Amino acid sequence: MPEEVQAALNQLHPLLAVDVLRLYWEFRTLRPEIVHAWLDWCNVRAGLAAALAGVPRIIVSGRNLSPRHFTLDADYFHPAYTALAAMSERRLALINNSQAGADDYAAWLGLPNHRIKVVRNGVQFSEGSRPSRQKALSIRALLKIAPSVPLIGGMFRFEEEKQPALWLRTAKHVATAIPEAQFVLYGQGGLRGEMEKIVRDLDMGSRVHFGGVVSPSTDALAPCDLLLLTSRGEGTPNVLLEAQWLGIPVVTTNAGGAGEAVVDGVTGKVVRSNDEASISAAVVEVLADETFRRRAGTEGPAFVSSTYGMDRMIRDTLDLYDLGKPSCSDGELS
């Protein structure tokens, strides 16, 4: 092993150094022209190992806001990313799946915004997988909700950054304005017990249904009249794309990349506050506007196909790979 590689490894936390060393030898053996990593834990390990192994082109991909916002942050993320970002742009590409995420990483690392490129998610739905009306009605029947009753859905991990308490308080406001409305929450997570307590405290036990985890997720969304998301932080929420592809209008907080994943005022509404009264007002407004909902039913699928299409994502990724492969000596970090 070159001395400069050993010296670099000696500066890392021992547990991180072990992971980087394993990947280093893997890359030295396989000699890839490109290493593409996703998510912070993998980005720092694969990125450092690829740099030390002399891989010509390295891509590290953020999928959310920077880790400083989340409990999974680690004390070595920032210095590792800083070391990687010191490499030339021809050698290392930093990307994110939303502009909000890219800007947040740039601010966190003290980089100019243009340093982190945006490659939006690619999703591919087939018309054959679109749930039938009969499927949607059967799910409503399981929930004991009549076809004509307004149904507001939510689908997310039951964790703090998704702000489930805000979702439930918003539901209470909506229920006051629309006495017949019902609500269904799909997902699982550590806050399930706390959420059930909030439902009881709000006296919403007969109005809020916990639907568990349903696959495919589009089956669970199909019976909903509106999809509500109240997160604090998001990358690109796939549930917003899934709902819009089904023609379901959405209401979301302006959390990270969530606001970019909606045509505000066309396929849904983006609420720029964490105030349940404001969020619920948007929900009530959409449900009361039949013209808006019909338009969302047409524009939503078109928006998802054009902005988040799989072919577009593949083209953007291949363009990123073809930016050039500079020569570098083994162990070169910049």
C-alpha atoms as a PDB file:
ATOM      1  CA  MET A   1       0.000   0.000   0.000  1.00  0.00           C
ATOM      2  CA  PRO A   2       1.428   3.446  -0.912  1.00  0.00           C
ATOM      3  CA  GLU A   3       2.644   5.435   2.097  1.00  0.00           C
ATOM      4  CA  GLU A   4       0.325   8.360   1.319  1.00  0.00           C
ATOM      5  CA  VAL A   5      -2.691   6.018   1.386  1.00  0.00           C
ATOM      6  CA  GLN A   6      -1.643   4.597   4.745  1.00  0.00           C
ATOM      7  CA  ALA A   7      -1.109   8.113   6.067  1.00  0.00           C
ATOM      8  CA  ALA A   8      -4.611   9.121   4.951  1.00  0.00           C
ATOM      9  CA  LEU A   9      -6.162   6.045   6.554  1.00  0.00           C
ATOM     10  CA  ASN A  10      -4.329   6.761   9.819  1.00  0.00           C
ATOM     11  CA  GLN A  11      -6.243  10.043  10.096  1.00  0.00           C
ATOM     12  CA  LEU A  12      -9.655   8.337   9.996  1.00  0.00           C
ATOM     13  CA  HIS A  13     -11.743   6.966  12.820  1.00  0.00           C
ATOM     14  CA  PRO A  14     -10.736   3.267  13.152  1.00  0.00           C
ATOM     15  CA  LEU A  15     -14.195   1.940  12.213  1.00  0.00           C
ATOM     16  CA  LEU A  16     -14.367   4.244   9.197  1.00  0.00           C
ATOM     17  CA  ALA A  17     -10.803   3.327   8.205  1.00  0.00           C
ATOM     18  CA  VAL A  18     -11.685  -0.388   8.140  1.00  0.00           C
ATOM     19  CA  ASP A  19     -14.582   0.207   5.723  1.00  0.00           C
ATOM     20  CA  VAL A  20     -12.533   2.511   3.516  1.00  0.00           C
ATOM     21  CA  LEU A  21      -9.634   0.044   3.427  1.00  0.00           C
ATOM     22  CA  ARG A  22     -11.888  -2.811   2.322  1.00  0.00           C
ATOM     23  CA  LEU A  23     -13.313  -0.738  -0.499  1.00  0.00           C
ATOM     24  CA  TYR A  24      -9.839   0.523  -1.405  1.00  0.00           C
ATOM     25  CA  TRP A  25      -8.624  -3.016  -2.069  1.00  0.00           C
ATOM     26  CA  GLU A  26     -11.840  -3.795  -3.955  1.00  0.00           C
ATOM     27  CA  PHE A  27     -11.313  -0.823  -6.250  1.00  0.00           C
ATOM     28  CA  ARG A  28      -7.616  -1.627  -6.669  1.00  0.00           C
ATOM     29  CA  THR A  29      -8.582  -5.119  -7.782  1.00  0.00           C
ATOM     30  CA  LEU A  30     -11.504  -4.246 -10.066  1.00  0.00           C
ATOM     31  CA  ARG A  31     -10.046  -1.006 -11.472  1.00  0.00           C
ATOM     32  CA  PRO A  32     -13.407   0.675 -12.224  1.00  0.00           C
ATOM     33  CA  GLU A  33     -13.411   3.776 -14.383  1.00  0.00           C
ATOM     34  CA  ILE A  34     -16.320   5.232 -12.403  1.00  0.00           C
ATOM     35  CA  VAL A  35     -17.503   4.784  -8.819  1.00  0.00           C
ATOM     36  CA  HIS A  36     -21.010   6.108  -8.144  1.00  0.00           C
ATOM     37  CA  ALA A  37     -22.187   6.163  -4.525  1.00  0.00           C
ATOM     38  CA  TRP A  38     -25.513   7.150  -2.968  1.00  0.00           C
ATOM     39  CA  LEU A  39     -26.399   8.439   0.524  1.00  0.00           C
ATOM     40  CA  ASP A  40     -24.048   9.881   3.134  1.00  0.00           C
ATOM     41  CA  TRP A  41     -22.867   6.666   4.814  1.00  0.00           C
ATOM     42  CA  CYS A  42     -21.834   5.151   1.480  1.00  0.00           C
ATOM     43  CA  ASN A  43     -20.716   8.427  -0.090  1.00  0.00           C
ATOM     44  CA  VAL A  44     -17.923   9.084   2.392  1.00  0.00           C
ATOM     45  CA  ARG A  45     -16.676   5.478   2.425  1.00  0.00           C
ATOM     46  CA  ALA A  46     -16.810   4.820  -1.301  1.00  0.00           C
ATOM     47  CA  GLY A  47     -15.685   8.347  -2.133  1.00  0.00           C
ATOM     48  CA  LEU A  48     -12.574   8.257   0.060  1.00  0.00           C
ATOM     49  CA  ALA A  49     -11.689   4.716  -1.008  1.00  0.00           C
ATOM     50  CA  ALA A  50     -12.114   5.545  -4.696  1.00  0.00           C
ATOM     51  CA  ALA A  51      -9.972   8.667  -4.326  1.00  0.00           C
ATOM     52  CA  LEU A  52      -7.191   6.724  -2.596  1.00  0.00           C
ATOM     53  CA  ALA A  53      -7.409   3.903  -5.145  1.00  0.00           C
ATOM     54  CA  GLY A  54      -6.999   6.293  -8.087  1.00  0.00           C
ATOM     55  CA  VAL A  55     -10.452   5.804  -9.611  1.00  0.00           C
ATOM     56  CA  PRO A  56     -10.644   8.337 -12.467  1.00  0.00           C
ATOM     57  CA  ARG A  57     -14.252   9.470 -11.998  1.00  0.00           C
ATOM     58  CA  ILE A  58     -16.173   9.586  -8.695  1.00  0.00           C
ATOM     59  CA  ILE A  59     -19.831  10.505  -8.239  1.00  0.00           C
ATOM     60  CA  VAL A  60     -21.316  11.049  -4.774  1.00  0.00           C
ATOM     61  CA  SER A  61     -25.073  11.502  -4.624  1.00  0.00           C
ATOM     62  CA  GLY A  62     -27.089  13.229  -1.941  1.00  0.00           C
ATOM     63  CA  ARG A  63     -30.734  12.185  -1.718  1.00  0.00           C
ATOM     64  CA  ASN A  64     -32.013  14.666   0.839  1.00  0.00           C
ATOM     65  CA  LEU A  65     -30.980  17.773   2.732  1.00  0.00           C
ATOM     66  CA  SER A  66     -27.531  17.649   4.345  1.00  0.00           C
ATOM     67  CA  PRO A  67     -27.122  15.245   7.292  1.00  0.00           C
ATOM     68  CA  ARG A  68     -26.925  18.071   9.847  1.00  0.00           C
ATOM     69  CA  HIS A  69     -30.748  18.029   9.861  1.00  0.00           C
ATOM     70  CA  PHE A  70     -31.111  14.379  10.841  1.00  0.00           C
ATOM     71  CA  THR A  71     -30.367  12.077  13.761  1.00  0.00           C
ATOM     72  CA  LEU A  72     -28.253   9.830  11.500  1.00  0.00           C
ATOM     73  CA  ASP A  73     -25.586  12.550  11.181  1.00  0.00           C
ATOM     74  CA  ALA A  74     -22.061  11.426  12.105  1.00  0.00           C
ATOM     75  CA  ASP A  75     -19.185  13.597  13.265  1.00  0.00           C
ATOM     76  CA  TYR A  76     -16.980  12.448  10.371  1.00  0.00           C
ATOM     77  CA  PHE A  77     -19.452  13.305   7.573  1.00  0.00           C
ATOM     78  CA  HIS A  78     -18.524  16.980   7.319  1.00  0.00           C
ATOM     79  CA  PRO A  79     -14.717  16.567   7.277  1.00  0.00           C
ATOM     80  CA  ALA A  80     -14.986  13.623   4.857  1.00  0.00           C
ATOM     81  CA  TYR A  81     -17.176  15.576   2.445  1.00  0.00           C
ATOM     82  CA  THR A  82     -14.875  18.585   2.790  1.00  0.00           C
ATOM     83  CA  ALA A  83     -11.876  16.471   1.813  1.00  0.00           C
ATOM     84  CA  LEU A  84     -13.735  15.035  -1.167  1.00  0.00           C
ATOM     85  CA  ALA A  85     -14.970  18.454  -2.299  1.00  0.00           C
ATOM     86  CA  ALA A  86     -11.365  19.668  -2.445  1.00  0.00           C
ATOM     87  CA  MET A  87     -10.854  17.393  -5.469  1.00  0.00           C
ATOM     88  CA  SER A  88     -11.252  18.828  -8.951  1.00  0.00           C
ATOM     89  CA  GLU A  89     -14.703  18.874 -10.537  1.00  0.00           C
ATOM     90  CA  ARG A  90     -13.367  16.724 -13.386  1.00  0.00           C
ATOM     91  CA  ARG A  91     -12.416  14.038 -10.869  1.00  0.00           C
ATOM     92  CA  LEU A  92     -15.342  14.268  -8.453  1.00  0.00           C
ATOM     93  CA  ALA A  93     -18.974  15.196  -9.097  1.00  0.00           C
ATOM     94  CA  LEU A  94     -21.277  16.090  -6.221  1.00  0.00           C
ATOM     95  CA  ILE A  95     -24.948  15.696  -7.125  1.00  0.00           C
ATOM     96  CA  ASN A  96     -28.350  15.818  -5.450  1.00  0.00           C
ATOM     97  CA  ASN A  97     -31.869  14.878  -6.519  1.00  0.00           C
ATOM     98  CA  SER A  98     -33.337  18.305  -5.738  1.00  0.00           C
ATOM     99  CA  GLN A  99     -32.222  21.908  -6.010  1.00  0.00           C
ATOM    100  CA  ALA A 100     -33.112  22.468  -2.358  1.00  0.00           C
ATOM    101  CA  GLY A 101     -30.902  19.555  -1.345  1.00  0.00           C
ATOM    102  CA  ALA A 102     -28.037  20.744  -3.547  1.00  0.00           C
ATOM    103  CA  ASP A 103     -28.218  24.264  -2.095  1.00  0.00           C
ATOM    104  CA  ASP A 104     -28.347  22.940   1.457  1.00  0.00           C
ATOM    105  CA  TYR A 105     -25.267  20.722   0.988  1.00  0.00           C
ATOM    106  CA  ALA A 106     -23.429  23.642  -0.636  1.00  0.00           C
ATOM    107  CA  ALA A 107     -24.220  25.903   2.331  1.00  0.00           C
ATOM    108  CA  TRP A 108     -23.207  23.176   4.801  1.00  0.00           C
ATOM    109  CA  LEU A 109     -19.873  22.616   3.065  1.00  0.00           C
ATOM    110  CA  GLY A 110     -19.196  26.263   2.214  1.00  0.00           C
ATOM    111  CA  LEU A 111     -19.250  25.591  -1.529  1.00  0.00           C
ATOM    112  CA  PRO A 112     -20.629  27.724  -4.357  1.00  0.00           C
ATOM    113  CA  ASN A 113     -24.093  26.489  -5.336  1.00  0.00           C
ATOM    114  CA  HIS A 114     -23.015  25.511  -8.854  1.00  0.00           C
ATOM    115  CA  ARG A 115     -20.577  22.951  -7.409  1.00  0.00           C
ATOM    116  CA  ILE A 116     -23.414  20.509  -6.690  1.00  0.00           C
ATOM    117  CA  LYS A 117     -25.398  19.447  -9.737  1.00  0.00           C
ATOM    118  CA  VAL A 118     -29.035  18.333  -9.736  1.00  0.00           C
ATOM    119  CA  VAL A 119     -30.047  14.997 -11.249  1.00  0.00           C
ATOM    120  CA  ARG A 120     -33.705  14.484 -10.481  1.00  0.00           C
ATOM    121  CA  ASN A 121     -35.151  11.082  -9.623  1.00  0.00           C
ATOM    122  CA  GLY A 122     -36.453   8.893 -12.392  1.00  0.00           C
ATOM    123  CA  VAL A 123     -39.694   7.000 -11.893  1.00  0.00           C
ATOM    124  CA  GLN A 124     -41.368   4.661 -14.297  1.00  0.00           C
ATOM    125  CA  PHE A 125     -45.013   3.715 -13.985  1.00  0.00           C
ATOM    126  CA  SER A 126     -46.808   1.528 -16.502  1.00  0.00           C
ATOM    127  CA  GLU A 127     -50.445   2.065 -17.365  1.00  0.00           C
ATOM    128  CA  GLY A 128     -50.984  -1.612 -16.641  1.00  0.00           C
ATOM    129  CA  SER A 129     -50.030  -1.036 -13.011  1.00  0.00           C
ATOM    130  CA  ARG A 130     -52.537   1.782 -12.502  1.00  0.00           C
ATOM    131  CA  PRO A 131     -55.022   0.591  -9.860  1.00  0.00           C
ATOM    132  CA  SER A 132     -58.546   0.086 -11.156  1.00  0.00           C
ATOM    133  CA  ARG A 133     -61.539   1.878  -9.702  1.00  0.00           C
ATOM    134  CA  GLN A 134     -62.663  -1.484  -8.386  1.00  0.00           C
ATOM    135  CA  LYS A 135     -59.350  -1.832  -6.506  1.00  0.00           C
ATOM    136  CA  ALA A 136     -59.756   1.628  -4.979  1.00  0.00           C
ATOM    137  CA  LEU A 137     -63.313   0.837  -3.892  1.00  0.00           C
ATOM    138  CA  SER A 138     -62.214  -2.460  -2.349  1.00  0.00           C
ATOM    139  CA  ILE A 139     -59.633  -0.663  -0.185  1.00  0.00           C
ATOM    140  CA  ARG A 140     -62.262   1.858   0.903  1.00  0.00           C
ATOM    141  CA  ALA A 141     -64.507  -1.073   1.821  1.00  0.00           C
ATOM    142  CA  LEU A 142     -61.753  -2.557   3.988  1.00  0.00           C
ATOM    143  CA  LEU A 143     -61.493   0.788   5.776  1.00  0.00           C
ATOM    144  CA  LYS A 144     -65.301   0.983   6.014  1.00  0.00           C
ATOM    145  CA  ILE A 145     -65.331   4.285   4.101  1.00  0.00           C
ATOM    146  CA  ALA A 146     -68.111   4.938   1.592  1.00  0.00           C
ATOM    147  CA  PRO A 147     -67.144   5.867  -2.015  1.00  0.00           C
ATOM    148  CA  SER A 148     -68.561   9.395  -1.695  1.00  0.00           C
ATOM    149  CA  VAL A 149     -66.732  10.321   1.533  1.00  0.00           C
ATOM    150  CA  PRO A 150     -63.723  12.677   1.137  1.00  0.00           C
ATOM    151  CA  LEU A 151     -60.595  10.691   2.021  1.00  0.00           C
ATOM    152  CA  ILE A 152     -57.287  12.378   2.821  1.00  0.00           C
ATOM    153  CA  GLY A 153     -54.248  10.088   2.740  1.00  0.00           C
ATOM    154  CA  GLY A 154     -50.756  10.199   4.166  1.00  0.00           C
ATOM    155  CA  MET A 155     -47.851   7.845   3.478  1.00  0.00           C
ATOM    156  CA  PHE A 156     -44.530   8.257   5.258  1.00  0.00           C
ATOM    157  CA  ARG A 157     -42.203   6.842   7.902  1.00  0.00           C
ATOM    158  CA  PHE A 158     -43.538   7.497  11.368  1.00  0.00           C
ATOM    159  CA  GLU A 159     -40.460   9.474  12.422  1.00  0.00           C
ATOM    160  CA  GLU A 160     -39.860  13.002  13.710  1.00  0.00           C
ATOM    161  CA  GLU A 161     -38.702  14.620  10.433  1.00  0.00           C
ATOM    162  CA  LYS A 162     -42.035  13.662   8.839  1.00  0.00           C
ATOM    163  CA  GLN A 163     -43.874  15.639  11.552  1.00  0.00           C
ATOM    164  CA  PRO A 164     -46.749  13.175  12.046  1.00  0.00           C
ATOM    165  CA  ALA A 165     -48.136  15.223  14.961  1.00  0.00           C
ATOM    166  CA  LEU A 166     -48.520  18.179  12.588  1.00  0.00           C
ATOM    167  CA  TRP A 167     -50.266  15.897  10.089  1.00  0.00           C
ATOM    168  CA  LEU A 168     -52.751  14.809  12.744  1.00  0.00           C
ATOM    169  CA  ARG A 169     -53.381  18.335  14.040  1.00  0.00           C
ATOM    170  CA  THR A 170     -53.991  19.401  10.441  1.00  0.00           C
ATOM    171  CA  ALA A 171     -56.435  16.512  10.059  1.00  0.00           C
ATOM    172  CA  LYS A 172     -58.343  17.783  13.098  1.00  0.00           C
ATOM    173  CA  HIS A 173     -58.719  21.219  11.488  1.00  0.00           C
ATOM    174  CA  VAL A 174     -59.896  19.648   8.225  1.00  0.00           C
ATOM    175  CA  ALA A 175     -62.359  17.445  10.096  1.00  0.00           C
ATOM    176  CA  THR A 176     -63.885  20.529  11.705  1.00  0.00           C
ATOM    177  CA  ALA A 177     -64.352  22.182   8.298  1.00  0.00           C
ATOM    178  CA  ILE A 178     -65.495  18.991   6.523  1.00  0.00           C
ATOM    179  CA  PRO A 179     -67.399  16.914   9.082  1.00  0.00           C
ATOM    180  CA  GLU A 180     -67.723  13.883   6.779  1.00  0.00           C
ATOM    181  CA  ALA A 181     -63.986  13.697   5.898  1.00  0.00           C
ATOM    182  CA  GLN A 182     -61.947  10.605   6.766  1.00  0.00           C
ATOM    183  CA  PHE A 183     -58.184  10.129   6.997  1.00  0.00           C
ATOM    184  CA  VAL A 184     -55.868   7.187   6.351  1.00  0.00           C
ATOM    185  CA  LEU A 185     -52.181   6.947   7.301  1.00  0.00           C
ATOM    186  CA  TYR A 186     -49.916   4.376   5.663  1.00  0.00           C
ATOM    187  CA  GLY A 187     -46.498   3.561   7.084  1.00  0.00           C
ATOM    188  CA  GLN A 188     -44.656   2.407  10.150  1.00  0.00           C
ATOM    189  CA  GLY A 189     -42.016   3.703  12.537  1.00  0.00           C
ATOM    190  CA  GLY A 190     -41.037   4.540  16.077  1.00  0.00           C
ATOM    191  CA  LEU A 191     -43.712   7.203  16.616  1.00  0.00           C
ATOM    192  CA  ARG A 192     -46.696   4.910  15.936  1.00  0.00           C
ATOM    193  CA  GLY A 193     -47.649   4.701  19.633  1.00  0.00           C
ATOM    194  CA  GLU A 194     -47.359   8.452  20.125  1.00  0.00           C
ATOM    195  CA  MET A 195     -49.493   9.037  17.025  1.00  0.00           C
ATOM    196  CA  GLU A 196     -52.223   6.747  18.333  1.00  0.00           C
ATOM    197  CA  LYS A 197     -52.241   8.744  21.583  1.00  0.00           C
ATOM    198  CA  ILE A 198     -52.570  12.011  19.661  1.00  0.00           C
ATOM    199  CA  VAL A 199     -55.518  10.543  17.736  1.00  0.00           C
ATOM    200  CA  ARG A 200     -57.221   9.699  21.030  1.00  0.00           C
ATOM    201  CA  ASP A 201     -56.453  13.095  22.543  1.00  0.00           C
ATOM    202  CA  LEU A 202     -57.913  14.810  19.461  1.00  0.00           C
ATOM    203  CA  ASP A 203     -60.992  12.591  19.633  1.00  0.00           C
ATOM    204  CA  MET A 204     -60.306  11.431  16.063  1.00  0.00           C
ATOM    205  CA  GLY A 205     -60.429   7.681  16.667  1.00  0.00           C
ATOM    206  CA  SER A 206     -63.400   7.177  14.345  1.00  0.00           C
ATOM    207  CA  ARG A 207     -61.893   9.378  11.611  1.00  0.00           C
ATOM    208  CA  VAL A 208     -58.217   8.352  11.398  1.00  0.00           C
ATOM    209  CA  HIS A 209     -57.320   4.896  10.073  1.00  0.00           C
ATOM    210  CA  PHE A 210     -53.868   3.292  10.207  1.00  0.00           C
ATOM    211  CA  GLY A 211     -53.453   1.285   7.025  1.00  0.00           C
ATOM    212  CA  GLY A 212     -50.045  -0.270   7.688  1.00  0.00           C
ATOM    213  CA  VAL A 213     -47.659  -0.838   4.770  1.00  0.00           C
ATOM    214  CA  VAL A 214     -49.260  -1.641   1.420  1.00  0.00           C
ATOM    215  CA  SER A 215     -47.421  -2.821  -1.683  1.00  0.00           C
ATOM    216  CA  PRO A 216     -47.596  -1.539  -4.302  1.00  0.00           C
ATOM    217  CA  SER A 217     -48.001   1.851  -2.700  1.00  0.00           C
ATOM    218  CA  THR A 218     -50.129   3.116  -5.570  1.00  0.00           C
ATOM    219  CA  ASP A 219     -52.862   0.651  -4.523  1.00  0.00           C
ATOM    220  CA  ALA A 220     -53.019   2.351  -1.121  1.00  0.00           C
ATOM    221  CA  LEU A 221     -53.115   5.838  -2.628  1.00  0.00           C
ATOM    222  CA  ALA A 222     -55.734   5.088  -5.279  1.00  0.00           C
ATOM    223  CA  PRO A 223     -58.817   5.489  -3.021  1.00  0.00           C
ATOM    224  CA  CYS A 224     -57.644   8.881  -1.712  1.00  0.00           C
ATOM    225  CA  ASP A 225     -59.082  12.194  -2.865  1.00  0.00           C
ATOM    226  CA  LEU A 226     -55.981  14.084  -1.710  1.00  0.00           C
ATOM    227  CA  LEU A 227     -52.472  13.249  -0.477  1.00  0.00           C
ATOM    228  CA  LEU A 228     -51.161  15.292   2.466  1.00  0.00           C
ATOM    229  CA  LEU A 229     -47.470  15.557   3.428  1.00  0.00           C
ATOM    230  CA  THR A 230     -46.310  17.712   6.360  1.00  0.00           C
ATOM    231  CA  SER A 231     -42.591  16.915   6.573  1.00  0.00           C
ATOM    232  CA  ARG A 232     -39.878  19.101   8.045  1.00  0.00           C
ATOM    233  CA  GLY A 233     -37.174  17.782   5.712  1.00  0.00           C
ATOM    234  CA  GLU A 234     -37.364  15.938   2.386  1.00  0.00           C
ATOM    235  CA  GLY A 235     -35.240  15.103  -0.618  1.00  0.00           C
ATOM    236  CA  THR A 236     -37.646  14.180  -3.390  1.00  0.00           C
ATOM    237  CA  PRO A 237     -40.698  12.531  -1.827  1.00  0.00           C
ATOM    238  CA  ASN A 238     -41.669   9.679  -4.122  1.00  0.00           C
ATOM    239  CA  VAL A 239     -45.140   9.598  -2.581  1.00  0.00           C
ATOM    240  CA  LEU A 240     -45.859  13.025  -4.101  1.00  0.00           C
ATOM    241  CA  LEU A 241     -44.847  11.722  -7.518  1.00  0.00           C
ATOM    242  CA  GLU A 242     -46.906   8.558  -7.099  1.00  0.00           C
ATOM    243  CA  ALA A 243     -50.013  10.493  -6.079  1.00  0.00           C
ATOM    244  CA  GLN A 244     -49.701  12.974  -8.942  1.00  0.00           C
ATOM    245  CA  TRP A 245     -49.160  10.143 -11.438  1.00  0.00           C
ATOM    246  CA  LEU A 246     -52.473   8.742 -10.233  1.00  0.00           C
ATOM    247  CA  GLY A 247     -54.070  12.142 -10.794  1.00  0.00           C
ATOM    248  CA  ILE A 248     -54.525  12.771  -7.067  1.00  0.00           C
ATOM    249  CA  PRO A 249     -53.973  16.398  -5.974  1.00  0.00           C
ATOM    250  CA  VAL A 250     -51.430  16.918  -3.209  1.00  0.00           C
ATOM    251  CA  VAL A 251     -50.850  19.394  -0.402  1.00  0.00           C
ATOM    252  CA  THR A 252     -47.353  19.577   1.080  1.00  0.00           C
ATOM    253  CA  THR A 253     -45.179  21.716   3.283  1.00  0.00           C
ATOM    254  CA  ASN A 254     -42.274  23.360   1.488  1.00  0.00           C
ATOM    255  CA  ALA A 255     -39.818  20.863   2.972  1.00  0.00           C
ATOM    256  CA  GLY A 256     -36.568  20.480   1.058  1.00  0.00           C
ATOM    257  CA  GLY A 257     -37.301  19.169  -2.423  1.00  0.00           C
ATOM    258  CA  ALA A 258     -41.016  18.634  -1.767  1.00  0.00           C
ATOM    259  CA  GLY A 259     -41.948  22.032  -3.178  1.00  0.00           C
ATOM    260  CA  GLU A 260     -40.115  21.232  -6.411  1.00  0.00           C
ATOM    261  CA  ALA A 261     -42.013  17.959  -6.803  1.00  0.00           C
ATOM    262  CA  VAL A 262     -45.365  19.738  -7.247  1.00  0.00           C
ATOM    263  CA  VAL A 263     -46.658  22.254  -9.781  1.00  0.00           C
ATOM    264  CA  ASP A 264     -47.913  24.650  -7.148  1.00  0.00           C
ATOM    265  CA  GLY A 265     -51.452  25.788  -7.923  1.00  0.00           C
ATOM    266  CA  VAL A 266     -51.858  23.202 -10.689  1.00  0.00           C
ATOM    267  CA  THR A 267     -51.219  19.675  -9.425  1.00  0.00           C
ATOM    268  CA  GLY A 268     -51.436  20.633  -5.769  1.00  0.00           C
ATOM    269  CA  LYS A 269     -50.527  23.284  -3.254  1.00  0.00           C
ATOM    270  CA  VAL A 270     -47.244  24.024  -1.456  1.00  0.00           C
ATOM    271  CA  VAL A 271     -47.743  25.593   1.972  1.00  0.00           C
ATOM    272  CA  ARG A 272     -44.800  27.674   3.127  1.00  0.00           C
ATOM    273  CA  SER A 273     -45.385  27.343   6.858  1.00  0.00           C
ATOM    274  CA  ASN A 274     -45.701  24.684   9.537  1.00  0.00           C
ATOM    275  CA  ASP A 275     -48.999  26.101  10.727  1.00  0.00           C
ATOM    276  CA  GLU A 276     -51.789  23.512  10.767  1.00  0.00           C
ATOM    277  CA  ALA A 277     -54.424  26.173  10.126  1.00  0.00           C
ATOM    278  CA  SER A 278     -52.698  27.244   6.888  1.00  0.00           C
ATOM    279  CA  ILE A 279     -52.100  23.660   5.769  1.00  0.00           C
ATOM    280  CA  SER A 280     -55.669  22.609   6.511  1.00  0.00           C
ATOM    281  CA  ALA A 281     -57.009  25.657   4.650  1.00  0.00           C
ATOM    282  CA  ALA A 282     -55.137  24.485   1.534  1.00  0.00           C
ATOM    283  CA  VAL A 283     -56.579  20.980   1.925  1.00  0.00           C
ATOM    284  CA  VAL A 284     -60.126  22.292   2.295  1.00  0.00           C
ATOM    285  CA  GLU A 285     -59.694  24.638  -0.674  1.00  0.00           C
ATOM    286  CA  VAL A 286     -58.530  21.825  -2.966  1.00  0.00           C
ATOM    287  CA  LEU A 287     -61.276  19.438  -1.896  1.00  0.00           C
ATOM    288  CA  ALA A 288     -63.918  22.120  -2.489  1.00  0.00           C
ATOM    289  CA  ASP A 289     -62.644  22.981  -5.993  1.00  0.00           C
ATOM    290  CA  GLU A 290     -63.819  20.356  -8.490  1.00  0.00           C
ATOM    291  CA  THR A 291     -62.224  22.249 -11.396  1.00  0.00           C
ATOM    292  CA  PHE A 292     -58.844  22.248  -9.633  1.00  0.00           C
ATOM    293  CA  ARG A 293     -59.062  18.525  -8.925  1.00  0.00           C
ATOM    294  CA  ARG A 294     -59.989  17.684 -12.528  1.00  0.00           C
ATOM    295  CA  ARG A 295     -57.055  19.726 -13.795  1.00  0.00           C
ATOM    296  CA  ALA A 296     -54.704  18.051 -11.321  1.00  0.00           C
ATOM    297  CA  GLY A 297     -55.962  14.711 -12.595  1.00  0.00           C
ATOM    298  CA  THR A 298     -54.716  15.608 -16.079  1.00  0.00           C
ATOM    299  CA  GLU A 299     -51.642  17.720 -15.334  1.00  0.00           C
ATOM    300  CA  GLY A 300     -50.251  15.534 -12.546  1.00  0.00           C
ATOM    301  CA  PRO A 301     -49.380  12.492 -14.689  1.00  0.00           C
ATOM    302  CA  ALA A 302     -47.945  14.741 -17.418  1.00  0.00           C
ATOM    303  CA  PHE A 303     -45.731  16.613 -14.949  1.00  0.00           C
ATOM    304  CA  VAL A 304     -44.348  13.423 -13.402  1.00  0.00           C
ATOM    305  CA  SER A 305     -43.610  11.904 -16.823  1.00  0.00           C
ATOM    306  CA  SER A 306     -41.827  14.987 -18.166  1.00  0.00           C
ATOM    307  CA  THR A 307     -39.865  16.108 -15.093  1.00  0.00           C
ATOM    308  CA  TYR A 308     -39.199  12.784 -13.376  1.00  0.00           C
ATOM    309  CA  GLY A 309     -39.214  10.394 -16.327  1.00  0.00           C
ATOM    310  CA  MET A 310     -36.804   7.458 -16.310  1.00  0.00           C
ATOM    311  CA  ASP A 311     -35.355   8.225 -19.760  1.00  0.00           C
ATOM    312  CA  ARG A 312     -34.520  11.786 -18.678  1.00  0.00           C
ATOM    313  CA  MET A 313     -32.796  10.550 -15.519  1.00  0.00           C
ATOM    314  CA  ILE A 314     -30.731   8.023 -17.490  1.00  0.00           C
ATOM    315  CA  ARG A 315     -29.631  10.702 -19.987  1.00  0.00           C
ATOM    316  CA  ASP A 316     -28.616  13.075 -17.188  1.00  0.00           C
ATOM    317  CA  THR A 317     -26.637  10.323 -15.440  1.00  0.00           C
ATOM    318  CA  LEU A 318     -24.831   9.233 -18.599  1.00  0.00           C
ATOM    319  CA  ASP A 319     -23.949  12.857 -19.345  1.00  0.00           C
ATOM    320  CA  LEU A 320     -22.440  13.030 -15.883  1.00  0.00           C
ATOM    321  CA  TYR A 321     -20.374   9.907 -16.536  1.00  0.00           C
ATOM    322  CA  ASP A 322     -19.094  11.312 -19.852  1.00  0.00           C
ATOM    323  CA  LEU A 323     -17.629  14.549 -18.472  1.00  0.00           C
ATOM    324  CA  GLY A 324     -14.138  13.138 -18.875  1.00  0.00           C
ATOM    325  CA  LYS A 325     -11.804  10.790 -17.070  1.00  0.00           C
ATOM    326  CA  PRO A 326      -8.599  12.570 -16.028  1.00  0.00           C
ATOM    327  CA  SER A 327      -5.467  10.584 -15.439  1.00  0.00           C
ATOM    328  CA  CYS A 328      -4.172  10.483 -11.896  1.00  0.00           C
ATOM    329  CA  SER A 329      -1.534   8.668  -9.962  1.00  0.00           C
ATOM    330  CA  ASP A 330      -2.402   5.963  -7.413  1.00  0.00           C
ATOM    331  CA  GLY A 331      -3.502   7.466  -4.117  1.00  0.00           C
ATOM    332  CA  GLU A 332      -3.996  10.961  -5.538  1.00  0.00           C
ATOM    333  CA  LEU A 333      -6.701  12.846  -3.631  1.00  0.00           C
ATOM    334  CA  SER A 334      -6.970  15.963  -5.735  1.00  0.00           C
END
